[in-house]
């Protein structure tokens, strides 16, 4: 099992679990707080990427 982040310019490997063959549902059960925090972190990362692209174009 692997976790990947697909970006417009590349795909980034986040993690690999070689012994996990059945998929995520029986293993990963995030709490609501974890989902909210992940969303916030991805929002910050997205905004930083947009800002970096904007500054690179300027």
N, C-alpha and C. Protein backbone atom coordinates (compact mmCIF):
# COMPACT_ATOMS: atom_id res chain seq x y z
N UNK A 1 0.86 -1.16 0.00
CA UNK A 1 0.00 0.00 0.00
C UNK A 1 0.91 1.23 0.00
N UNK A 2 0.56 2.19 -0.81
CA UNK A 2 1.31 3.44 -0.84
C UNK A 2 0.34 4.62 -0.76
N UNK A 3 0.82 5.72 -0.25
CA UNK A 3 0.06 6.97 -0.22
C UNK A 3 0.81 7.95 -1.10
N UNK A 4 0.11 8.51 -2.08
CA UNK A 4 0.73 9.43 -3.02
C UNK A 4 -0.07 10.72 -3.08
N UNK A 5 0.65 11.80 -3.35
CA UNK A 5 0.03 13.11 -3.53
C UNK A 5 0.25 13.51 -4.98
N UNK A 6 -0.82 13.63 -5.73
CA UNK A 6 -0.72 14.01 -7.13
C UNK A 6 -0.75 15.52 -7.30
N UNK A 7 0.36 16.07 -7.76
CA UNK A 7 0.45 17.50 -8.04
C UNK A 7 0.37 17.70 -9.54
N UNK A 8 0.16 18.91 -9.98
CA UNK A 8 0.06 19.17 -11.42
C UNK A 8 1.38 18.88 -12.14
N UNK A 9 2.50 19.04 -11.45
CA UNK A 9 3.80 18.85 -12.10
C UNK A 9 4.45 17.51 -11.79
N UNK A 10 3.98 16.82 -10.76
CA UNK A 10 4.59 15.55 -10.37
C UNK A 10 3.70 14.81 -9.38
N UNK A 11 4.05 13.57 -9.14
CA UNK A 11 3.38 12.79 -8.11
C UNK A 11 4.39 12.52 -7.01
N UNK A 12 3.99 12.79 -5.76
CA UNK A 12 4.90 12.67 -4.63
C UNK A 12 4.49 11.46 -3.80
N UNK A 13 5.46 10.59 -3.52
CA UNK A 13 5.23 9.44 -2.65
C UNK A 13 5.30 9.92 -1.21
N UNK A 14 4.20 9.74 -0.48
CA UNK A 14 4.15 10.18 0.92
C UNK A 14 4.60 9.09 1.88
N UNK A 15 4.17 7.85 1.61
CA UNK A 15 4.52 6.75 2.51
C UNK A 15 4.27 5.42 1.82
N UNK A 16 4.92 4.38 2.33
CA UNK A 16 4.73 3.03 1.81
C UNK A 16 4.60 2.07 2.98
N UNK A 17 3.61 1.20 2.89
CA UNK A 17 3.42 0.15 3.88
C UNK A 17 3.45 -1.18 3.13
N UNK A 18 4.62 -1.84 3.05
CA UNK A 18 4.75 -3.04 2.23
C UNK A 18 3.90 -4.22 2.68
N UNK A 19 3.58 -4.32 3.96
CA UNK A 19 2.82 -5.47 4.46
C UNK A 19 1.32 -5.23 4.52
N UNK A 20 0.86 -4.10 4.05
CA UNK A 20 -0.57 -3.77 4.08
C UNK A 20 -1.15 -4.05 2.70
N UNK A 21 -1.88 -5.15 2.57
CA UNK A 21 -2.35 -5.59 1.26
C UNK A 21 -3.86 -5.37 1.05
N UNK A 22 -4.62 -5.23 2.11
CA UNK A 22 -6.08 -5.21 1.98
C UNK A 22 -6.69 -3.84 1.79
N UNK A 23 -5.92 -2.78 1.93
CA UNK A 23 -6.47 -1.45 1.73
C UNK A 23 -6.64 -0.70 3.04
N UNK A 24 -7.14 0.53 2.91
CA UNK A 24 -7.24 1.44 4.04
C UNK A 24 -8.39 1.18 5.01
N UNK A 25 -9.58 0.89 4.55
CA UNK A 25 -10.74 0.91 5.48
C UNK A 25 -10.58 0.12 6.77
N UNK A 26 -10.05 -1.10 6.77
CA UNK A 26 -9.96 -1.80 8.05
C UNK A 26 -8.83 -1.29 8.95
N UNK A 27 -7.94 -0.47 8.41
CA UNK A 27 -6.76 -0.06 9.17
C UNK A 27 -6.87 1.38 9.65
N UNK A 28 -7.27 2.28 8.78
CA UNK A 28 -7.25 3.71 9.09
C UNK A 28 -8.67 4.19 9.37
N UNK A 29 -8.86 4.73 10.54
CA UNK A 29 -10.15 5.31 10.92
C UNK A 29 -9.88 6.65 11.60
N UNK A 30 -9.71 7.70 10.77
CA UNK A 30 -9.37 9.00 11.35
C UNK A 30 -10.52 9.58 12.17
N UNK A 31 -10.16 10.32 13.19
CA UNK A 31 -11.17 11.02 13.97
C UNK A 31 -11.58 12.29 13.22
N UNK A 32 -12.68 12.86 13.64
CA UNK A 32 -13.14 14.11 13.02
C UNK A 32 -12.10 15.21 13.19
N UNK A 33 -11.47 15.29 14.35
CA UNK A 33 -10.44 16.30 14.58
C UNK A 33 -9.27 16.10 13.63
N UNK A 34 -8.85 14.86 13.40
CA UNK A 34 -7.75 14.60 12.47
C UNK A 34 -8.11 15.01 11.05
N UNK A 35 -9.34 14.76 10.65
CA UNK A 35 -9.78 15.15 9.31
C UNK A 35 -9.79 16.67 9.17
N UNK A 36 -10.29 17.35 10.18
CA UNK A 36 -10.33 18.82 10.16
C UNK A 36 -8.92 19.39 10.11
N UNK A 37 -8.00 18.82 10.92
CA UNK A 37 -6.62 19.31 10.92
C UNK A 37 -5.92 19.02 9.61
N UNK A 38 -6.18 17.86 9.01
CA UNK A 38 -5.59 17.54 7.70
C UNK A 38 -6.10 18.52 6.65
N UNK A 39 -7.39 18.82 6.68
CA UNK A 39 -7.96 19.78 5.73
C UNK A 39 -7.31 21.15 5.90
N UNK A 40 -7.12 21.57 7.15
CA UNK A 40 -6.48 22.87 7.40
C UNK A 40 -5.04 22.87 6.89
N UNK A 41 -4.31 21.79 7.13
CA UNK A 41 -2.93 21.72 6.66
C UNK A 41 -2.85 21.73 5.14
N UNK A 42 -3.74 21.02 4.49
CA UNK A 42 -3.76 21.02 3.02
C UNK A 42 -4.16 22.38 2.47
N UNK A 43 -5.05 23.08 3.15
CA UNK A 43 -5.43 24.43 2.73
C UNK A 43 -4.25 25.39 2.82
N UNK A 44 -3.49 25.31 3.91
CA UNK A 44 -2.31 26.15 4.06
C UNK A 44 -1.30 25.83 2.98
N UNK A 45 -1.07 24.54 2.73
CA UNK A 45 -0.10 24.13 1.70
C UNK A 45 -0.55 24.60 0.31
N UNK A 46 -1.83 24.49 0.03
CA UNK A 46 -2.36 24.94 -1.26
C UNK A 46 -2.19 26.44 -1.42
N UNK A 47 -2.51 27.20 -0.38
CA UNK A 47 -2.35 28.66 -0.44
C UNK A 47 -0.88 29.04 -0.61
N UNK A 48 0.02 28.35 0.07
CA UNK A 48 1.45 28.63 -0.07
C UNK A 48 1.92 28.33 -1.49
N UNK A 49 1.41 27.25 -2.07
CA UNK A 49 1.78 26.90 -3.44
C UNK A 49 1.26 27.95 -4.42
N UNK A 50 0.03 28.40 -4.24
CA UNK A 50 -0.53 29.46 -5.11
C UNK A 50 0.29 30.75 -4.98
N UNK A 51 0.65 31.10 -3.76
CA UNK A 51 1.45 32.30 -3.55
C UNK A 51 2.83 32.16 -4.20
N UNK A 52 3.46 31.02 -4.05
CA UNK A 52 4.76 30.79 -4.67
C UNK A 52 4.67 30.89 -6.19
N UNK A 53 3.63 30.32 -6.76
CA UNK A 53 3.44 30.40 -8.21
C UNK A 53 3.20 31.85 -8.65
N UNK A 54 2.42 32.58 -7.87
CA UNK A 54 2.13 33.98 -8.18
C UNK A 54 3.42 34.83 -8.14
N UNK A 55 4.23 34.59 -7.11
CA UNK A 55 5.49 35.33 -6.98
C UNK A 55 6.48 34.95 -8.09
N UNK A 56 6.44 33.71 -8.53
CA UNK A 56 7.33 33.27 -9.60
C UNK A 56 6.94 33.89 -10.92
N UNK A 57 5.65 34.16 -11.10
CA UNK A 57 5.17 34.78 -12.35
C UNK A 57 5.41 36.28 -12.38
N UNK A 58 5.56 36.88 -11.21
CA UNK A 58 5.71 38.34 -11.11
C UNK A 58 7.09 38.81 -11.51
